[in-house]
Amino acid sequence: MWLVLMAMRRPITIVVAVISVALTSIVAIRQMKVDIFPQLGAPAIYVAQPYGGMDPSQMEGYLTYYYEYHFLFITGIEHVESKNIQGIALMKLVFHPETDMSQAMGEVVGYTNRARAFMPPGAVPPFIMRFDAGSVPVAQLVFSSTTRSVPEMQDIALNRVRPIFATLPGVSAPPPFGGSQRTPGRVGPAAVRRESADDRRARRSREAPAVPALAR
């Protein structure tokens, strides 16, 4: 009540005070720094290990087990979450608050290289990502088709769709997962000779000189 009485007794002072607050707010907003990707403070690191041709149980036994065993030696680790799907293992490493994430990232890379020594031949290095505003996916693209097979969709997503997104400025397009990747195979010399002979006959029939027609 006393605020109302004071405003009625000194209206000019109140108006000047309101205008001063408004001007100060405008100046503060213009000089305020804007961070598009602020520090979220989420102590988590993601590890994605692809390996084509393995089902979820095989991914768990041959790959994820060794990662989880070695990740428990990292300083400040709280717990490890893992999910295995067709051809890829996803692991989330959660750390205690106030953990030095730069040091944790270095230890994760070191123990990842050590765990790969126990894995099957052909295991490629995993994707290691720090959980921050710049690495959180903004969109997920899911492919489905009633006419194409899973390997065909995997091939289209990897070799046609992904290059389109990868060339956009500021966009990072990770490789697709969940399908069967195309694997080049070897053909025996006998099959090559047979195919070469068939191709040679077809090429000769197509390249046979045609008799030019006479125009009248």
Protein backbone atom coordinates (compact mmCIF):
# COMPACT_ATOMS: atom_id res chain seq x y z
CA MET A 1 0.00 0.00 0.00
CA TRP A 2 2.83 2.35 0.79
CA LEU A 3 4.20 1.91 -2.75
CA VAL A 4 0.95 3.22 -4.20
CA LEU A 5 0.90 6.17 -1.83
CA MET A 6 4.52 7.06 -2.67
CA ALA A 7 3.80 6.84 -6.41
CA MET A 8 0.82 9.18 -6.02
CA ARG A 9 2.84 11.68 -3.99
CA ARG A 10 5.90 11.67 -6.32
CA PRO A 11 4.70 10.76 -9.81
CA ILE A 12 7.60 12.40 -11.65
CA THR A 13 10.18 10.47 -9.63
CA ILE A 14 8.45 7.17 -10.36
CA VAL A 15 8.25 7.91 -14.11
CA VAL A 16 11.96 8.80 -14.22
CA ALA A 17 12.82 5.59 -12.34
CA VAL A 18 10.76 3.44 -14.74
CA ILE A 19 12.37 5.07 -17.79
CA SER A 20 15.84 4.55 -16.30
CA VAL A 21 15.15 0.85 -15.70
CA ALA A 22 13.85 0.44 -19.27
CA LEU A 23 16.90 2.15 -20.81
CA THR A 24 19.27 0.13 -18.64
CA SER A 25 17.53 -3.08 -19.71
CA ILE A 26 17.90 -2.20 -23.40
CA VAL A 27 21.62 -1.49 -23.00
CA ALA A 28 22.13 -4.72 -21.03
CA ILE A 29 20.33 -6.82 -23.64
CA ARG A 30 22.44 -5.37 -26.48
CA GLN A 31 25.72 -6.00 -24.65
CA MET A 32 24.75 -9.46 -23.40
CA LYS A 33 26.81 -12.28 -24.94
CA VAL A 34 24.85 -15.03 -26.65
CA ASP A 35 26.19 -18.57 -26.69
CA ILE A 36 24.53 -20.74 -29.32
CA PHE A 37 26.05 -23.91 -27.87
CA PRO A 38 26.24 -23.40 -24.10
CA GLN A 39 27.98 -25.74 -21.73
CA LEU A 40 25.32 -28.20 -20.65
CA GLY A 41 27.44 -29.68 -17.91
CA ALA A 42 26.24 -33.21 -18.71
CA PRO A 43 29.12 -35.56 -17.77
CA ALA A 44 28.51 -38.22 -20.41
CA ILE A 45 30.42 -39.70 -23.34
CA TYR A 46 28.95 -41.91 -26.06
CA VAL A 47 30.82 -44.73 -27.82
CA ALA A 48 29.39 -46.35 -30.96
CA GLN A 49 31.08 -49.49 -32.27
CA PRO A 50 29.95 -50.76 -35.69
CA TYR A 51 30.59 -54.30 -36.91
CA GLY A 52 28.65 -55.57 -39.90
CA GLY A 53 27.13 -59.02 -39.93
CA MET A 54 26.63 -59.55 -36.18
CA ASP A 55 23.32 -59.86 -34.38
CA PRO A 56 22.70 -58.15 -30.99
CA SER A 57 23.79 -61.18 -28.93
CA GLN A 58 27.05 -61.45 -30.84
CA MET A 59 27.69 -57.73 -30.46
CA GLU A 60 27.19 -58.12 -26.71
CA GLY A 61 29.53 -61.08 -26.37
CA TYR A 62 32.33 -60.20 -28.76
CA LEU A 63 32.48 -56.39 -28.47
CA THR A 64 30.41 -54.71 -25.75
CA TYR A 65 31.64 -56.98 -22.94
CA TYR A 66 35.27 -55.94 -23.44
CA TYR A 67 34.37 -52.26 -23.61
CA GLU A 68 32.37 -52.38 -20.40
CA TYR A 69 35.15 -54.28 -18.64
CA HIS A 70 37.80 -51.68 -19.53
CA PHE A 71 35.59 -48.60 -19.06
CA LEU A 72 35.25 -49.37 -15.35
CA PHE A 73 38.93 -48.42 -14.92
CA ILE A 74 38.28 -44.82 -16.00
CA THR A 75 38.57 -42.17 -13.30
CA GLY A 76 35.25 -40.68 -12.21
CA ILE A 77 33.02 -43.21 -13.99
CA GLU A 78 29.59 -43.64 -12.41
CA HIS A 79 27.99 -46.30 -14.60
CA VAL A 80 27.97 -47.63 -18.15
CA GLU A 81 24.84 -48.14 -20.23
CA SER A 82 24.87 -50.24 -23.40
CA LYS A 83 22.45 -51.15 -26.15
CA ASN A 84 23.16 -53.66 -28.90
CA ILE A 85 21.34 -53.76 -32.21
CA GLN A 86 22.03 -55.33 -35.57
CA GLY A 87 25.57 -54.40 -36.55
CA ILE A 88 26.29 -51.75 -33.92
CA ALA A 89 26.84 -51.38 -30.17
CA LEU A 90 25.91 -48.12 -28.43
CA MET A 91 27.44 -47.35 -25.03
CA LYS A 92 26.84 -44.38 -22.74
CA LEU A 93 29.46 -43.56 -20.12
CA VAL A 94 28.05 -41.45 -17.28
CA PHE A 95 30.52 -39.70 -14.96
CA HIS A 96 30.20 -38.11 -11.54
CA PRO A 97 29.59 -34.34 -11.41
CA GLU A 98 32.64 -32.06 -11.43
CA THR A 99 34.61 -34.64 -13.42
CA ASP A 100 37.28 -33.28 -15.76
CA MET A 101 35.75 -34.34 -19.06
CA SER A 102 38.90 -33.58 -21.05
CA GLN A 103 40.84 -36.08 -18.96
CA ALA A 104 37.92 -38.52 -19.12
CA MET A 105 37.85 -38.29 -22.92
CA GLY A 106 41.56 -39.10 -23.09
CA GLU A 107 41.11 -42.11 -20.82
CA VAL A 108 38.15 -43.32 -22.86
CA VAL A 109 40.23 -43.21 -26.04
CA GLY A 110 43.09 -45.07 -24.34
CA TYR A 111 40.95 -47.84 -22.87
CA THR A 112 39.05 -48.14 -26.14
CA ASN A 113 42.27 -48.90 -27.99
CA ARG A 114 43.17 -51.45 -25.31
CA ALA A 115 39.77 -53.17 -25.53
CA ARG A 116 40.04 -53.49 -29.32
CA ALA A 117 42.95 -55.91 -28.87
CA PHE A 118 40.47 -58.53 -27.60
CA MET A 119 37.95 -58.10 -30.41
CA PRO A 120 37.48 -60.10 -33.61
CA PRO A 121 39.59 -59.22 -36.66
CA GLY A 122 38.21 -56.43 -38.79
CA ALA A 123 36.80 -54.34 -35.92
CA VAL A 124 37.12 -50.70 -36.95
CA PRO A 125 37.75 -47.89 -34.41
CA PRO A 126 34.53 -46.74 -32.71
CA PHE A 127 32.91 -43.33 -32.79
CA ILE A 128 33.55 -41.46 -29.51
CA MET A 129 31.36 -38.40 -28.91
CA ARG A 130 31.16 -35.96 -26.03
CA PHE A 131 27.61 -35.14 -24.97
CA ASP A 132 27.21 -31.40 -25.50
CA ALA A 133 25.02 -29.01 -27.48
CA GLY A 134 27.10 -29.48 -30.61
CA SER A 135 26.88 -33.26 -30.69
CA VAL A 136 23.22 -33.76 -29.83
CA PRO A 137 21.37 -34.86 -32.98
CA VAL A 138 18.77 -32.36 -34.16
CA ALA A 139 17.01 -34.81 -36.47
CA GLN A 140 16.85 -38.50 -37.21
CA LEU A 141 16.08 -39.86 -40.66
CA VAL A 142 14.49 -43.31 -40.79
CA PHE A 143 14.26 -45.31 -44.02
CA SER A 144 11.54 -47.84 -44.72
CA SER A 145 10.34 -49.46 -47.91
CA THR A 146 7.96 -52.21 -49.00
CA THR A 147 9.76 -52.83 -52.30
CA ARG A 148 13.45 -52.56 -51.42
CA SER A 149 15.48 -54.85 -49.19
CA VAL A 150 17.46 -53.79 -46.12
CA PRO A 151 20.86 -53.90 -47.91
CA GLU A 152 19.48 -51.72 -50.71
CA MET A 153 18.17 -49.13 -48.24
CA GLN A 154 21.50 -49.22 -46.39
CA ASP A 155 23.34 -48.62 -49.65
CA ILE A 156 21.07 -45.71 -50.61
CA ALA A 157 21.33 -44.08 -47.19
CA LEU A 158 25.12 -44.42 -47.06
CA ASN A 159 26.13 -43.59 -50.63
CA ARG A 160 23.36 -41.25 -51.81
CA VAL A 161 21.61 -39.54 -48.91
CA ARG A 162 24.51 -39.09 -46.48
CA PRO A 163 26.77 -37.19 -48.95
CA ILE A 164 23.96 -34.67 -49.48
CA PHE A 165 23.76 -33.82 -45.76
CA ALA A 166 27.55 -33.99 -45.27
CA THR A 167 28.13 -31.14 -47.76
CA LEU A 168 25.79 -28.73 -45.94
CA PRO A 169 27.63 -26.08 -43.90
CA GLY A 170 27.61 -26.75 -40.15
CA VAL A 171 26.02 -30.20 -40.51
CA SER A 172 27.65 -33.44 -39.40
CA ALA A 173 26.02 -36.52 -40.91
CA PRO A 174 27.06 -39.74 -39.14
CA PRO A 175 26.94 -42.99 -41.08
CA PRO A 176 23.63 -44.88 -40.97
CA PHE A 177 23.27 -48.00 -38.90
CA GLY A 178 20.80 -50.83 -38.59
CA GLY A 179 21.12 -52.27 -42.09
CA SER A 180 23.42 -54.63 -43.94
CA GLN A 181 26.31 -52.89 -45.62
CA ARG A 182 27.37 -53.81 -49.12
CA THR A 183 30.46 -56.01 -49.04
CA PRO A 184 32.45 -56.60 -52.23
CA GLY A 185 33.14 -60.26 -52.95
CA ARG A 186 35.70 -62.14 -54.97
CA VAL A 187 34.96 -64.07 -58.13
CA GLY A 188 37.06 -67.06 -59.20
CA PRO A 189 39.15 -66.97 -62.40
CA ALA A 190 36.88 -69.53 -64.10
CA ALA A 191 33.82 -67.37 -63.47
CA VAL A 192 35.69 -64.33 -64.74
CA ARG A 193 36.63 -66.19 -67.92
CA ARG A 194 33.04 -67.31 -68.44
CA GLU A 195 31.70 -63.83 -67.83
CA SER A 196 34.33 -62.31 -70.08
CA ALA A 197 33.41 -64.71 -72.89
CA ASP A 198 29.70 -63.94 -72.55
CA ASP A 199 30.36 -60.24 -72.41
CA ARG A 200 32.62 -60.51 -75.44
CA ARG A 201 29.89 -62.21 -77.49
CA ALA A 202 27.29 -59.67 -76.43
CA ARG A 203 29.65 -56.79 -77.19
CA ARG A 204 30.46 -58.16 -80.62
CA SER A 205 26.78 -58.50 -81.44
CA ARG A 206 26.14 -54.92 -80.30
CA GLU A 207 29.19 -53.51 -82.04
CA ALA A 208 28.52 -55.19 -85.37
CA PRO A 209 28.80 -52.58 -88.14
CA ALA A 210 25.43 -51.53 -89.40
CA VAL A 211 24.77 -51.03 -93.11
CA PRO A 212 24.11 -47.35 -93.69
CA ALA A 213 20.71 -46.62 -95.16
CA LEU A 214 20.46 -44.67 -98.38
CA ALA A 215 18.36 -41.57 -98.17
CA ARG A 216 16.39 -40.65 -101.24
